[in-house]
């Protein structure tokens, strides 16, 4: 199971990012856990200055804007 954290204030882009990760995982029968992190200190500890940020298995893989479908598929090795 891949674990994701979507870092951000809970804005529309953050919500859409989480939904997109979950949709692509479901469409490809991949089990994921997506956690939404809104705590500013936690976000800063990851070094993310532009949200939404995405952390996969404790590694920052994206920051600033909703990631593309192609980017997310690469995280899943699709």
PDB file of N, CA and C in Angstrom:
ATOM      1  N   UNK A   1       0.846  -1.178   0.000  1.00  0.00           N
ATOM      2  CA  UNK A   1       0.000   0.000   0.000  1.00  0.00           C
ATOM      3  C   UNK A   1       0.890   1.240   0.000  1.00  0.00           C
ATOM      4  N   UNK A   2       0.559   2.175  -0.896  1.00  0.00           N
ATOM      5  CA  UNK A   2       1.278   3.445  -0.930  1.00  0.00           C
ATOM      6  C   UNK A   2       0.566   4.427  -0.010  1.00  0.00           C
ATOM      7  N   UNK A   3       1.368   5.189   0.712  1.00  0.00           N
ATOM      8  CA  UNK A   3       0.813   6.185   1.624  1.00  0.00           C
ATOM      9  C   UNK A   3       1.135   7.574   1.110  1.00  0.00           C
ATOM     10  N   UNK A   4       0.094   8.388   1.005  1.00  0.00           N
ATOM     11  CA  UNK A   4       0.226   9.753   0.529  1.00  0.00           C
ATOM     12  C   UNK A   4      -0.215  10.732   1.603  1.00  0.00           C
ATOM     13  N   UNK A   5       0.432  11.887   1.609  1.00  0.00           N
ATOM     14  CA  UNK A   5      -0.021  13.012   2.413  1.00  0.00           C
ATOM     15  C   UNK A   5      -0.184  14.174   1.451  1.00  0.00           C
ATOM     16  N   UNK A   6      -1.354  14.782   1.466  1.00  0.00           N
ATOM     17  CA  UNK A   6      -1.593  15.983   0.678  1.00  0.00           C
ATOM     18  C   UNK A   6      -1.471  17.148   1.655  1.00  0.00           C
ATOM     19  N   UNK A   7      -0.465  17.985   1.413  1.00  0.00           N
ATOM     20  CA  UNK A   7      -0.157  19.091   2.307  1.00  0.00           C
ATOM     21  C   UNK A   7      -0.792  20.367   1.792  1.00  0.00           C
ATOM     22  N   UNK A   8      -1.536  21.050   2.658  1.00  0.00           N
ATOM     23  CA  UNK A   8      -2.141  22.319   2.259  1.00  0.00           C
ATOM     24  C   UNK A   8      -3.207  22.758   3.246  1.00  0.00           C
ATOM     25  N   UNK A   9      -3.786  23.888   2.940  1.00  0.00           N
ATOM     26  CA  UNK A   9      -4.750  24.515   3.846  1.00  0.00           C
ATOM     27  C   UNK A   9      -6.123  23.871   3.820  1.00  0.00           C
ATOM     28  N   UNK A  10      -6.336  22.950   2.892  1.00  0.00           N
ATOM     29  CA  UNK A  10      -7.663  22.367   2.728  1.00  0.00           C
ATOM     30  C   UNK A  10      -8.423  23.062   1.608  1.00  0.00           C
ATOM     31  N   UNK A  11      -7.702  23.795   0.785  1.00  0.00           N
ATOM     32  CA  UNK A  11      -8.303  24.538  -0.330  1.00  0.00           C
ATOM     33  C   UNK A  11      -8.809  23.572  -1.403  1.00  0.00           C
ATOM     34  N   UNK A  12      -9.492  24.111  -2.379  1.00  0.00           N
ATOM     35  CA  UNK A  12     -10.051  23.307  -3.463  1.00  0.00           C
ATOM     36  C   UNK A  12      -8.971  22.509  -4.183  1.00  0.00           C
ATOM     37  N   UNK A  13      -7.824  23.128  -4.441  1.00  0.00           N
ATOM     38  CA  UNK A  13      -6.741  22.419  -5.138  1.00  0.00           C
ATOM     39  C   UNK A  13      -6.242  21.242  -4.315  1.00  0.00           C
ATOM     40  N   UNK A  14      -6.178  21.421  -3.001  1.00  0.00           N
ATOM     41  CA  UNK A  14      -5.735  20.334  -2.120  1.00  0.00           C
ATOM     42  C   UNK A  14      -6.741  19.180  -2.144  1.00  0.00           C
ATOM     43  N   UNK A  15      -8.008  19.511  -2.064  1.00  0.00           N
ATOM     44  CA  UNK A  15      -9.070  18.500  -2.091  1.00  0.00           C
ATOM     45  C   UNK A  15      -9.059  17.762  -3.431  1.00  0.00           C
ATOM     46  N   UNK A  16      -8.926  18.508  -4.529  1.00  0.00           N
ATOM     47  CA  UNK A  16      -8.900  17.893  -5.856  1.00  0.00           C
ATOM     48  C   UNK A  16      -7.684  16.997  -6.039  1.00  0.00           C
ATOM     49  N   UNK A  17      -6.555  17.400  -5.460  1.00  0.00           N
ATOM     50  CA  UNK A  17      -5.342  16.578  -5.543  1.00  0.00           C
ATOM     51  C   UNK A  17      -5.574  15.235  -4.863  1.00  0.00           C
ATOM     52  N   UNK A  18      -6.128  15.263  -3.659  1.00  0.00           N
ATOM     53  CA  UNK A  18      -6.406  14.017  -2.928  1.00  0.00           C
ATOM     54  C   UNK A  18      -7.381  13.134  -3.708  1.00  0.00           C
ATOM     55  N   UNK A  19      -8.432  13.728  -4.243  1.00  0.00           N
ATOM     56  CA  UNK A  19      -9.430  12.968  -5.001  1.00  0.00           C
ATOM     57  C   UNK A  19      -8.817  12.343  -6.248  1.00  0.00           C
ATOM     58  N   UNK A  20      -7.941  13.081  -6.929  1.00  0.00           N
ATOM     59  CA  UNK A  20      -7.319  12.583  -8.153  1.00  0.00           C
ATOM     60  C   UNK A  20      -6.405  11.393  -7.852  1.00  0.00           C
ATOM     61  N   UNK A  21      -5.633  11.482  -6.785  1.00  0.00           N
ATOM     62  CA  UNK A  21      -4.774  10.357  -6.389  1.00  0.00           C
ATOM     63  C   UNK A  21      -5.634   9.135  -6.095  1.00  0.00           C
ATOM     64  N   UNK A  22      -6.710   9.332  -5.328  1.00  0.00           N
ATOM     65  CA  UNK A  22      -7.598   8.217  -4.977  1.00  0.00           C
ATOM     66  C   UNK A  22      -8.274   7.623  -6.208  1.00  0.00           C
ATOM     67  N   UNK A  23      -8.694   8.466  -7.154  1.00  0.00           N
ATOM     68  CA  UNK A  23      -9.370   7.985  -8.364  1.00  0.00           C
ATOM     69  C   UNK A  23      -8.432   7.153  -9.228  1.00  0.00           C
ATOM     70  N   UNK A  24      -7.228   7.648  -9.448  1.00  0.00           N
ATOM     71  CA  UNK A  24      -6.279   6.921 -10.299  1.00  0.00           C
ATOM     72  C   UNK A  24      -5.904   5.593  -9.635  1.00  0.00           C
ATOM     73  N   UNK A  25      -5.737   5.607  -8.325  1.00  0.00           N
ATOM     74  CA  UNK A  25      -5.431   4.362  -7.610  1.00  0.00           C
ATOM     75  C   UNK A  25      -6.572   3.363  -7.763  1.00  0.00           C
ATOM     76  N   UNK A  26      -7.804   3.836  -7.552  1.00  0.00           N
ATOM     77  CA  UNK A  26      -8.971   2.953  -7.659  1.00  0.00           C
ATOM     78  C   UNK A  26      -9.108   2.405  -9.077  1.00  0.00           C
ATOM     79  N   UNK A  27      -8.952   3.274 -10.077  1.00  0.00           N
ATOM     80  CA  UNK A  27      -9.086   2.854 -11.478  1.00  0.00           C
ATOM     81  C   UNK A  27      -8.067   1.779 -11.846  1.00  0.00           C
ATOM     82  N   UNK A  28      -6.926   1.759 -11.136  1.00  0.00           N
ATOM     83  CA  UNK A  28      -5.859   0.801 -11.437  1.00  0.00           C
ATOM     84  C   UNK A  28      -5.717  -0.273 -10.351  1.00  0.00           C
ATOM     85  N   UNK A  29      -6.741  -0.353  -9.498  1.00  0.00           N
ATOM     86  CA  UNK A  29      -6.801  -1.364  -8.443  1.00  0.00           C
ATOM     87  C   UNK A  29      -5.554  -1.355  -7.559  1.00  0.00           C
ATOM     88  N   UNK A  30      -5.141  -0.154  -7.166  1.00  0.00           N
ATOM     89  CA  UNK A  30      -3.992   0.029  -6.287  1.00  0.00           C
ATOM     90  C   UNK A  30      -4.511   0.527  -4.948  1.00  0.00           C
ATOM     91  N   UNK A  31      -4.048  -0.105  -3.879  1.00  0.00           N
ATOM     92  CA  UNK A  31      -4.478   0.280  -2.541  1.00  0.00           C
ATOM     93  C   UNK A  31      -3.642   1.467  -2.064  1.00  0.00           C
ATOM     94  N   UNK A  32      -4.332   2.523  -1.633  1.00  0.00           N
ATOM     95  CA  UNK A  32      -3.645   3.716  -1.135  1.00  0.00           C
ATOM     96  C   UNK A  32      -4.287   4.201   0.147  1.00  0.00           C
ATOM     97  N   UNK A  33      -3.507   4.952   0.878  1.00  0.00           N
ATOM     98  CA  UNK A  33      -4.013   5.681   2.038  1.00  0.00           C
ATOM     99  C   UNK A  33      -3.642   7.133   1.790  1.00  0.00           C
ATOM    100  N   UNK A  34      -4.633   8.017   1.762  1.00  0.00           N
ATOM    101  CA  UNK A  34      -4.389   9.436   1.512  1.00  0.00           C
ATOM    102  C   UNK A  34      -4.795  10.222   2.754  1.00  0.00           C
ATOM    103  N   UNK A  35      -3.830  10.922   3.305  1.00  0.00           N
ATOM    104  CA  UNK A  35      -4.051  11.744   4.492  1.00  0.00           C
ATOM    105  C   UNK A  35      -3.927  13.212   4.097  1.00  0.00           C
ATOM    106  N   UNK A  36      -4.858  14.023   4.568  1.00  0.00           N
ATOM    107  CA  UNK A  36      -4.787  15.459   4.307  1.00  0.00           C
ATOM    108  C   UNK A  36      -4.138  16.125   5.524  1.00  0.00           C
ATOM    109  N   UNK A  37      -3.053  16.867   5.275  1.00  0.00           N
ATOM    110  CA  UNK A  37      -2.314  17.526   6.353  1.00  0.00           C
ATOM    111  C   UNK A  37      -2.474  19.030   6.203  1.00  0.00           C
ATOM    112  N   UNK A  38      -3.045  19.672   7.223  1.00  0.00           N
ATOM    113  CA  UNK A  38      -3.261  21.120   7.161  1.00  0.00           C
ATOM    114  C   UNK A  38      -2.411  21.883   8.168  1.00  0.00           C
ATOM    115  N   UNK A  39      -1.691  21.169   9.027  1.00  0.00           N
ATOM    116  CA  UNK A  39      -0.862  21.811  10.047  1.00  0.00           C
ATOM    117  C   UNK A  39       0.341  22.493   9.396  1.00  0.00           C
ATOM    118  N   UNK A  40       0.421  23.809   9.538  1.00  0.00           N
ATOM    119  CA  UNK A  40       1.452  24.596   8.873  1.00  0.00           C
ATOM    120  C   UNK A  40       2.863  24.168   9.264  1.00  0.00           C
ATOM    121  N   UNK A  41       3.076  23.871  10.523  1.00  0.00           N
ATOM    122  CA  UNK A  41       4.406  23.455  10.972  1.00  0.00           C
ATOM    123  C   UNK A  41       4.832  22.140  10.312  1.00  0.00           C
ATOM    124  N   UNK A  42       3.901  21.208  10.214  1.00  0.00           N
ATOM    125  CA  UNK A  42       4.188  19.923   9.563  1.00  0.00           C
ATOM    126  C   UNK A  42       4.525  20.139   8.093  1.00  0.00           C
ATOM    127  N   UNK A  43       3.758  20.990   7.432  1.00  0.00           N
ATOM    128  CA  UNK A  43       3.997  21.286   6.011  1.00  0.00           C
ATOM    129  C   UNK A  43       5.384  21.894   5.844  1.00  0.00           C
ATOM    130  N   UNK A  44       5.738  22.843   6.700  1.00  0.00           N
ATOM    131  CA  UNK A  44       7.051  23.497   6.628  1.00  0.00           C
ATOM    132  C   UNK A  44       8.180  22.490   6.880  1.00  0.00           C
ATOM    133  N   UNK A  45       7.948  21.519   7.760  1.00  0.00           N
ATOM    134  CA  UNK A  45       8.968  20.505   8.054  1.00  0.00           C
ATOM    135  C   UNK A  45       9.308  19.662   6.832  1.00  0.00           C
ATOM    136  N   UNK A  46       8.367  19.550   5.896  1.00  0.00           N
ATOM    137  CA  UNK A  46       8.640  18.850   4.643  1.00  0.00           C
ATOM    138  C   UNK A  46       9.345  19.763   3.632  1.00  0.00           C
ATOM    139  N   UNK A  47       9.467  21.044   3.952  1.00  0.00           N
ATOM    140  CA  UNK A  47      10.123  21.985   3.049  1.00  0.00           C
ATOM    141  C   UNK A  47       9.234  22.448   1.917  1.00  0.00           C
ATOM    142  N   UNK A  48       7.937  22.243   2.035  1.00  0.00           N
ATOM    143  CA  UNK A  48       6.987  22.636   0.988  1.00  0.00           C
ATOM    144  C   UNK A  48       6.582  24.089   1.214  1.00  0.00           C
ATOM    145  N   UNK A  49       6.862  24.925   0.223  1.00  0.00           N
ATOM    146  CA  UNK A  49       6.525  26.344   0.319  1.00  0.00           C
ATOM    147  C   UNK A  49       5.307  26.702  -0.519  1.00  0.00           C
ATOM    148  N   UNK A  50       4.952  25.836  -1.454  1.00  0.00           N
ATOM    149  CA  UNK A  50       3.830  26.091  -2.352  1.00  0.00           C
ATOM    150  C   UNK A  50       2.909  24.878  -2.308  1.00  0.00           C
ATOM    151  N   UNK A  51       1.645  25.123  -1.957  1.00  0.00           N
ATOM    152  CA  UNK A  51       0.708  24.014  -1.826  1.00  0.00           C
ATOM    153  C   UNK A  51      -0.246  23.947  -3.018  1.00  0.00           C
ATOM    154  N   UNK A  52      -0.869  22.807  -3.266  1.00  0.00           N
ATOM    155  CA  UNK A  52      -0.730  21.603  -2.480  1.00  0.00           C
ATOM    156  C   UNK A  52       0.612  20.911  -2.709  1.00  0.00           C
ATOM    157  N   UNK A  53       1.091  20.294  -1.649  1.00  0.00           N
ATOM    158  CA  UNK A  53       2.271  19.448  -1.738  1.00  0.00           C
ATOM    159  C   UNK A  53       1.826  18.011  -1.596  1.00  0.00           C
ATOM    160  N   UNK A  54       2.583  17.113  -2.182  1.00  0.00           N
ATOM    161  CA  UNK A  54       2.263  15.692  -2.077  1.00  0.00           C
ATOM    162  C   UNK A  54       3.496  14.948  -1.573  1.00  0.00           C
ATOM    163  N   UNK A  55       3.283  14.164  -0.533  1.00  0.00           N
ATOM    164  CA  UNK A  55       4.336  13.326   0.033  1.00  0.00           C
ATOM    165  C   UNK A  55       3.911  11.877  -0.192  1.00  0.00           C
ATOM    166  N   UNK A  56       4.791  11.108  -0.818  1.00  0.00           N
ATOM    167  CA  UNK A  56       4.514   9.689  -1.043  1.00  0.00           C
ATOM    168  C   UNK A  56       5.557   8.894  -0.282  1.00  0.00           C
ATOM    169  N   UNK A  57       5.108   8.041   0.623  1.00  0.00           N
ATOM    170  CA  UNK A  57       6.013   7.228   1.431  1.00  0.00           C
ATOM    171  C   UNK A  57       7.123   8.082   2.046  1.00  0.00           C
ATOM    172  N   UNK A  58       6.727   9.218   2.602  1.00  0.00           N
ATOM    173  CA  UNK A  58       7.589  10.169   3.325  1.00  0.00           C
ATOM    174  C   UNK A  58       8.590  10.913   2.451  1.00  0.00           C
ATOM    175  N   UNK A  59       8.376  10.945   1.133  1.00  0.00           N
ATOM    176  CA  UNK A  59       9.232  11.709   0.220  1.00  0.00           C
ATOM    177  C   UNK A  59       8.352  12.704  -0.542  1.00  0.00           C
ATOM    178  N   UNK A  60       8.763  13.971  -0.559  1.00  0.00           N
ATOM    179  CA  UNK A  60       8.003  14.984  -1.303  1.00  0.00           C
ATOM    180  C   UNK A  60       8.159  14.697  -2.796  1.00  0.00           C
ATOM    181  N   UNK A  61       7.013  14.497  -3.469  1.00  0.00           N
ATOM    182  CA  UNK A  61       7.037  14.197  -4.902  1.00  0.00           C
ATOM    183  C   UNK A  61       6.427  15.314  -5.743  1.00  0.00           C
ATOM    184  N   UNK A  62       5.797  16.294  -5.073  1.00  0.00           N
ATOM    185  CA  UNK A  62       5.143  17.378  -5.831  1.00  0.00           C
ATOM    186  C   UNK A  62       4.852  18.544  -4.899  1.00  0.00           C
ATOM    187  N   UNK A  63       4.939  19.749  -5.454  1.00  0.00           N
ATOM    188  CA  UNK A  63       4.442  20.916  -4.716  1.00  0.00           C
ATOM    189  C   UNK A  63       4.015  21.993  -5.701  1.00  0.00           C
ATOM    190  N   UNK A  64       2.975  22.710  -5.318  1.00  0.00           N
ATOM    191  CA  UNK A  64       2.477  23.829  -6.115  1.00  0.00           C
ATOM    192  C   UNK A  64       1.523  23.418  -7.213  1.00  0.00           C
ATOM    193  N   UNK A  65       0.238  23.473  -6.946  1.00  0.00           N
ATOM    194  CA  UNK A  65      -0.771  23.175  -7.954  1.00  0.00           C
ATOM    195  C   UNK A  65      -1.170  21.714  -7.958  1.00  0.00           C
ATOM    196  N   UNK A  66      -2.245  21.428  -8.662  1.00  0.00           N
ATOM    197  CA  UNK A  66      -2.750  20.058  -8.778  1.00  0.00           C
ATOM    198  C   UNK A  66      -1.833  19.306  -9.739  1.00  0.00           C
ATOM    199  N   UNK A  67      -1.312  18.149  -9.318  1.00  0.00           N
ATOM    200  CA  UNK A  67      -0.437  17.390 -10.224  1.00  0.00           C
ATOM    201  C   UNK A  67      -1.221  16.838 -11.410  1.00  0.00           C
ATOM    202  N   UNK A  68      -0.510  16.603 -12.505  1.00  0.00           N
ATOM    203  CA  UNK A  68      -1.159  16.053 -13.698  1.00  0.00           C
ATOM    204  C   UNK A  68      -1.434  14.568 -13.495  1.00  0.00           C
ATOM    205  N   UNK A  69      -2.376  14.069 -14.252  1.00  0.00           N
ATOM    206  CA  UNK A  69      -2.687  12.640 -14.234  1.00  0.00           C
ATOM    207  C   UNK A  69      -1.437  11.839 -14.564  1.00  0.00           C
ATOM    208  N   UNK A  70      -0.654  12.312 -15.536  1.00  0.00           N
ATOM    209  CA  UNK A  70       0.565  11.610 -15.947  1.00  0.00           C
ATOM    210  C   UNK A  70       1.560  11.523 -14.800  1.00  0.00           C
ATOM    211  N   UNK A  71       1.698  12.611 -14.041  1.00  0.00           N
ATOM    212  CA  UNK A  71       2.615  12.606 -12.894  1.00  0.00           C
ATOM    213  C   UNK A  71       2.189  11.580 -11.862  1.00  0.00           C
ATOM    214  N   UNK A  72       0.907  11.560 -11.562  1.00  0.00           N
ATOM    215  CA  UNK A  72       0.399  10.623 -10.562  1.00  0.00           C
ATOM    216  C   UNK A  72       0.596   9.185 -11.029  1.00  0.00           C
ATOM    217  N   UNK A  73       0.360   8.924 -12.296  1.00  0.00           N
ATOM    218  CA  UNK A  73       0.563   7.566 -12.817  1.00  0.00           C
ATOM    219  C   UNK A  73       2.020   7.143 -12.670  1.00  0.00           C
ATOM    220  N   UNK A  74       2.955   8.075 -12.843  1.00  0.00           N
ATOM    221  CA  UNK A  74       4.375   7.745 -12.661  1.00  0.00           C
ATOM    222  C   UNK A  74       4.662   7.353 -11.218  1.00  0.00           C
ATOM    223  N   UNK A  75       3.982   7.999 -10.256  1.00  0.00           N
ATOM    224  CA  UNK A  75       4.182   7.626  -8.855  1.00  0.00           C
ATOM    225  C   UNK A  75       3.775   6.194  -8.613  1.00  0.00           C
ATOM    226  N   UNK A  76       2.805   5.704  -9.387  1.00  0.00           N
ATOM    227  CA  UNK A  76       2.327   4.333  -9.265  1.00  0.00           C
ATOM    228  C   UNK A  76       3.031   3.380 -10.221  1.00  0.00           C
ATOM    229  N   UNK A  77       4.026   3.893 -10.951  1.00  0.00           N
ATOM    230  CA  UNK A  77       4.745   3.092 -11.945  1.00  0.00           C
ATOM    231  C   UNK A  77       3.807   2.540 -13.026  1.00  0.00           C
ATOM    232  N   UNK A  78       2.858   3.381 -13.464  1.00  0.00           N
ATOM    233  CA  UNK A  78       1.911   2.959 -14.515  1.00  0.00           C
ATOM    234  C   UNK A  78       2.386   3.444 -15.871  1.00  0.00           C
TER     235      UNK A  78
END
